[in-house]
């Protein structure tokens, strides 16, 4: 069976625990990778509109994961729903969105962009999902996680929003490494000079004191760096 590309979004699984949604997405991904069921293109975090009218654990963010698999939409849906129901906080309002090649990604992107700038309602997410042929499921509570989940898949599909919180090979990259070493050992292929937007040469040296958090730019994970003054050492821009 030929692999297809899917993007899933999840939101509001953690109630007051700001880290639970990220942990949950990572753990589901790990489970699927161990079973050799999917090939990941990374998890991105998307910042949405913040308002005192919105209840969120820390900042109003949702997560998206793009991957390739031979599984069907329904097999992915069943796996994800079972996992989230078993692991999300009982006081949360978890939801998932599932975007496929049959979805109208531009329409969902429009919804995601609106969610970055204004307060939308549950009915808005249901309407956009229906119009764009995106599977959207509320899994508990008041189902308000549906708004963030749908926004996440739209913004991820747009290819120009979000920060990678998981990317193949990236978690083991620390210390002083060349740009070539980073590209060879991870899915991060674009390392750009912040001042010129040009790619670093493979022999350019980068000092990494913490986890790299590349951004999604032009559809690809991209890390900007800057040159330390009076030095030949580059450091990441966060």
Protein backbone atom coordinates (compact mmCIF):
# COMPACT_ATOMS: atom_id res chain seq x y z
CA UNK A 1 0.00 0.00 0.00
CA UNK A 2 1.27 3.47 -0.90
CA UNK A 3 2.05 5.87 1.95
CA UNK A 4 -0.01 9.05 2.24
CA UNK A 5 0.71 12.26 4.12
CA UNK A 6 -1.48 13.29 7.05
CA UNK A 7 -1.38 16.11 9.57
CA UNK A 8 -2.98 15.74 12.99
CA UNK A 9 -3.67 18.49 15.49
CA UNK A 10 -4.43 18.13 19.19
CA UNK A 11 -5.32 20.64 21.87
CA UNK A 12 -6.45 21.01 25.48
CA UNK A 13 -5.45 17.60 26.85
CA UNK A 14 -3.68 18.86 29.95
CA UNK A 15 -6.07 21.15 31.86
CA UNK A 16 -3.63 23.07 34.11
CA UNK A 17 -0.56 21.07 33.04
CA UNK A 18 1.11 23.09 30.28
CA UNK A 19 3.41 20.24 29.29
CA UNK A 20 0.94 17.34 29.09
CA UNK A 21 -0.24 17.98 25.53
CA UNK A 22 3.35 18.07 24.23
CA UNK A 23 4.21 14.95 26.22
CA UNK A 24 1.10 13.18 24.96
CA UNK A 25 1.87 13.96 21.31
CA UNK A 26 5.49 12.85 21.73
CA UNK A 27 4.42 9.60 23.38
CA UNK A 28 1.87 8.78 20.68
CA UNK A 29 4.51 9.48 18.04
CA UNK A 30 7.03 7.28 19.87
CA UNK A 31 4.50 4.45 20.05
CA UNK A 32 3.78 4.67 16.31
CA UNK A 33 7.47 4.88 15.39
CA UNK A 34 8.34 1.83 17.50
CA UNK A 35 5.64 -0.10 15.67
CA UNK A 36 7.09 1.17 12.37
CA UNK A 37 3.71 2.54 11.35
CA UNK A 38 4.58 6.12 10.42
CA UNK A 39 7.43 8.33 9.21
CA UNK A 40 7.46 11.62 11.10
CA UNK A 41 8.10 15.09 9.72
CA UNK A 42 8.13 16.59 13.21
CA UNK A 43 5.85 18.13 15.83
CA UNK A 44 5.17 21.87 15.72
CA UNK A 45 3.74 24.18 18.37
CA UNK A 46 1.44 26.98 17.21
CA UNK A 47 0.68 30.14 19.16
CA UNK A 48 -2.95 31.25 19.01
CA UNK A 49 -4.85 34.34 20.12
CA UNK A 50 -4.76 34.99 23.85
CA UNK A 51 -7.74 36.40 25.68
CA UNK A 52 -9.01 36.40 29.26
CA UNK A 53 -12.13 34.75 27.84
CA UNK A 54 -10.09 31.67 26.88
CA UNK A 55 -9.14 29.10 29.51
CA UNK A 56 -5.71 27.63 28.84
CA UNK A 57 -2.97 26.08 30.95
CA UNK A 58 -0.09 28.44 30.16
CA UNK A 59 -0.23 30.03 26.75
CA UNK A 60 -2.90 29.42 24.14
CA UNK A 61 -0.95 26.94 22.02
CA UNK A 62 -1.81 23.82 20.09
CA UNK A 63 0.28 21.09 18.44
CA UNK A 64 0.50 19.55 14.99
CA UNK A 65 2.30 16.49 13.63
CA UNK A 66 2.81 15.72 9.94
CA UNK A 67 3.69 12.18 8.93
CA UNK A 68 3.53 9.61 6.15
CA UNK A 69 1.86 6.25 6.63
CA UNK A 70 0.08 3.41 4.87
CA UNK A 71 -2.60 3.43 7.59
CA UNK A 72 -6.09 4.61 6.69
CA UNK A 73 -7.74 7.73 8.08
CA UNK A 74 -9.93 5.53 10.29
CA UNK A 75 -6.99 3.53 11.66
CA UNK A 76 -5.18 6.76 12.57
CA UNK A 77 -8.33 8.17 14.12
CA UNK A 78 -8.94 5.08 16.25
CA UNK A 79 -5.33 4.94 17.47
CA UNK A 80 -5.21 8.61 18.36
CA UNK A 81 -8.60 8.71 20.07
CA UNK A 82 -7.85 5.65 22.20
CA UNK A 83 -4.48 7.09 23.23
CA UNK A 84 -5.79 10.55 24.10
CA UNK A 85 -8.76 9.23 26.05
CA UNK A 86 -6.44 7.01 28.06
CA UNK A 87 -3.83 9.69 28.78
CA UNK A 88 -5.42 13.15 28.85
CA UNK A 89 -6.44 14.93 32.03
CA UNK A 90 -9.99 14.09 33.10
CA UNK A 91 -10.76 17.81 33.58
CA UNK A 92 -9.54 18.84 30.11
CA UNK A 93 -11.40 19.40 26.84
CA UNK A 94 -9.31 17.32 24.42
CA UNK A 95 -9.85 17.26 20.68
CA UNK A 96 -8.18 16.06 17.51
CA UNK A 97 -8.16 17.21 13.90
CA UNK A 98 -7.00 15.05 11.00
CA UNK A 99 -6.11 16.60 7.66
CA UNK A 100 -5.52 14.41 4.60
CA UNK A 101 -4.84 14.86 0.89
CA UNK A 102 -8.60 15.11 0.41
CA UNK A 103 -8.84 18.17 2.67
CA UNK A 104 -8.98 21.79 1.53
CA UNK A 105 -5.82 22.90 3.30
CA UNK A 106 -6.13 26.54 2.20
CA UNK A 107 -9.55 26.81 3.81
CA UNK A 108 -8.24 25.36 7.07
CA UNK A 109 -5.24 27.69 6.87
CA UNK A 110 -7.65 30.63 6.75
CA UNK A 111 -9.22 29.34 9.96
CA UNK A 112 -5.81 28.96 11.60
CA UNK A 113 -4.82 32.51 10.68
CA UNK A 114 -8.04 33.84 12.15
CA UNK A 115 -7.33 31.93 15.37
CA UNK A 116 -4.03 33.80 15.71
CA UNK A 117 -5.80 37.16 15.66
CA UNK A 118 -9.31 36.75 17.01
CA UNK A 119 -11.52 34.74 19.30
CA UNK A 120 -13.50 32.09 17.42
CA UNK A 121 -16.27 29.80 18.58
CA UNK A 122 -16.75 26.05 18.59
CA UNK A 123 -19.38 26.39 15.86
CA UNK A 124 -16.80 28.14 13.66
CA UNK A 125 -14.44 25.19 13.90
CA UNK A 126 -17.20 22.73 13.07
CA UNK A 127 -18.24 24.76 10.02
CA UNK A 128 -14.69 25.15 8.69
CA UNK A 129 -13.90 21.47 9.26
CA UNK A 130 -17.04 20.39 7.42
CA UNK A 131 -16.37 22.73 4.50
CA UNK A 132 -12.70 21.67 4.26
CA UNK A 133 -13.27 17.91 4.71
CA UNK A 134 -11.16 17.69 7.86
CA UNK A 135 -11.98 15.08 10.47
CA UNK A 136 -12.59 16.96 13.76
CA UNK A 137 -13.48 15.25 17.02
CA UNK A 138 -14.08 16.58 20.50
CA UNK A 139 -13.19 13.89 23.03
CA UNK A 140 -14.46 15.26 26.30
CA UNK A 141 -15.44 18.23 28.43
CA UNK A 142 -16.90 21.16 26.51
CA UNK A 143 -15.02 20.13 23.30
CA UNK A 144 -13.40 23.56 22.99
CA UNK A 145 -10.10 21.88 22.13
CA UNK A 146 -11.56 21.45 18.64
CA UNK A 147 -10.78 25.11 17.87
CA UNK A 148 -7.07 24.81 18.60
CA UNK A 149 -6.74 21.36 17.03
CA UNK A 150 -8.21 22.58 13.73
CA UNK A 151 -6.11 25.75 13.81
CA UNK A 152 -2.97 23.67 14.31
CA UNK A 153 -3.48 21.49 11.22
CA UNK A 154 -4.29 24.54 9.12
CA UNK A 155 -1.24 26.49 10.21
CA UNK A 156 1.02 23.46 9.80
CA UNK A 157 -0.31 22.82 6.30
CA UNK A 158 0.35 26.47 5.44
CA UNK A 159 4.06 25.85 6.04
CA UNK A 160 4.86 29.25 7.53
CA UNK A 161 3.94 29.10 11.22
CA UNK A 162 5.07 27.17 14.24
CA UNK A 163 8.11 26.08 16.21
CA UNK A 164 9.38 22.50 16.12
CA UNK A 165 9.31 20.84 19.53
CA UNK A 166 10.29 17.48 18.06
CA UNK A 167 12.26 16.69 14.91
CA UNK A 168 14.13 13.54 13.95
CA UNK A 169 17.70 13.58 15.27
CA UNK A 170 17.44 17.01 16.88
CA UNK A 171 17.24 16.04 20.53
CA UNK A 172 20.75 14.60 20.54
CA UNK A 173 22.35 17.70 19.06
CA UNK A 174 24.22 19.76 21.66
CA UNK A 175 27.67 21.22 22.07
CA UNK A 176 29.87 22.61 19.31
CA UNK A 177 29.12 21.14 15.88
CA UNK A 178 29.51 22.06 12.23
CA UNK A 179 26.47 22.91 10.13
CA UNK A 180 27.29 19.86 8.03
CA UNK A 181 27.24 17.58 11.07
CA UNK A 182 23.82 18.88 12.06
CA UNK A 183 22.40 18.36 8.58
CA UNK A 184 23.87 14.86 8.37
CA UNK A 185 22.50 13.71 11.72
CA UNK A 186 19.03 15.27 11.75
CA UNK A 187 16.07 16.34 9.66
CA UNK A 188 17.16 19.98 10.05
CA UNK A 189 18.56 20.92 6.64
CA UNK A 190 18.19 24.70 6.57
CA UNK A 191 20.53 26.70 8.84
CA UNK A 192 20.47 30.37 7.87
CA UNK A 193 22.43 33.51 8.72
CA UNK A 194 19.88 35.82 10.36
CA UNK A 195 21.45 38.89 8.75
CA UNK A 196 21.57 37.64 5.14
CA UNK A 197 19.17 34.68 5.13
CA UNK A 198 21.88 32.65 3.38
CA UNK A 199 22.63 29.02 4.16
CA UNK A 200 25.67 28.37 6.35
CA UNK A 201 28.56 26.48 4.79
CA UNK A 202 28.95 22.90 5.97
CA UNK A 203 32.15 23.75 7.88
CA UNK A 204 30.70 26.70 9.79
CA UNK A 205 30.75 26.01 13.55
CA UNK A 206 27.65 26.39 15.73
CA UNK A 207 27.62 26.38 19.53
CA UNK A 208 24.44 24.85 20.94
CA UNK A 209 23.87 25.24 24.67
CA UNK A 210 20.23 24.10 24.72
CA UNK A 211 17.75 22.32 22.49
CA UNK A 212 17.41 23.72 18.99
CA UNK A 213 13.91 24.96 18.23
CA UNK A 214 13.76 25.59 14.46
CA UNK A 215 10.76 27.34 12.94
CA UNK A 216 8.55 26.16 10.12
CA UNK A 217 9.45 28.38 7.15
CA UNK A 218 8.55 27.71 3.52
CA UNK A 219 7.34 24.27 4.53
CA UNK A 220 10.64 23.17 6.11
CA UNK A 221 12.28 23.28 9.55
CA UNK A 222 14.63 26.26 9.50
CA UNK A 223 17.10 27.43 12.15
CA UNK A 224 18.42 31.00 12.09
CA UNK A 225 21.80 31.70 13.66
CA UNK A 226 23.97 34.74 14.29
CA UNK A 227 27.73 35.16 14.34
CA UNK A 228 29.26 36.03 17.70
CA UNK A 229 31.17 39.33 17.64
CA UNK A 230 34.91 38.95 16.93
CA UNK A 231 34.43 35.23 16.51
CA UNK A 232 33.92 32.46 13.97
CA UNK A 233 31.30 30.79 16.16
CA UNK A 234 27.60 30.92 15.37
CA UNK A 235 24.80 30.66 17.94
CA UNK A 236 21.11 29.78 17.43
CA UNK A 237 18.40 32.43 17.45
CA UNK A 238 15.47 31.37 19.60
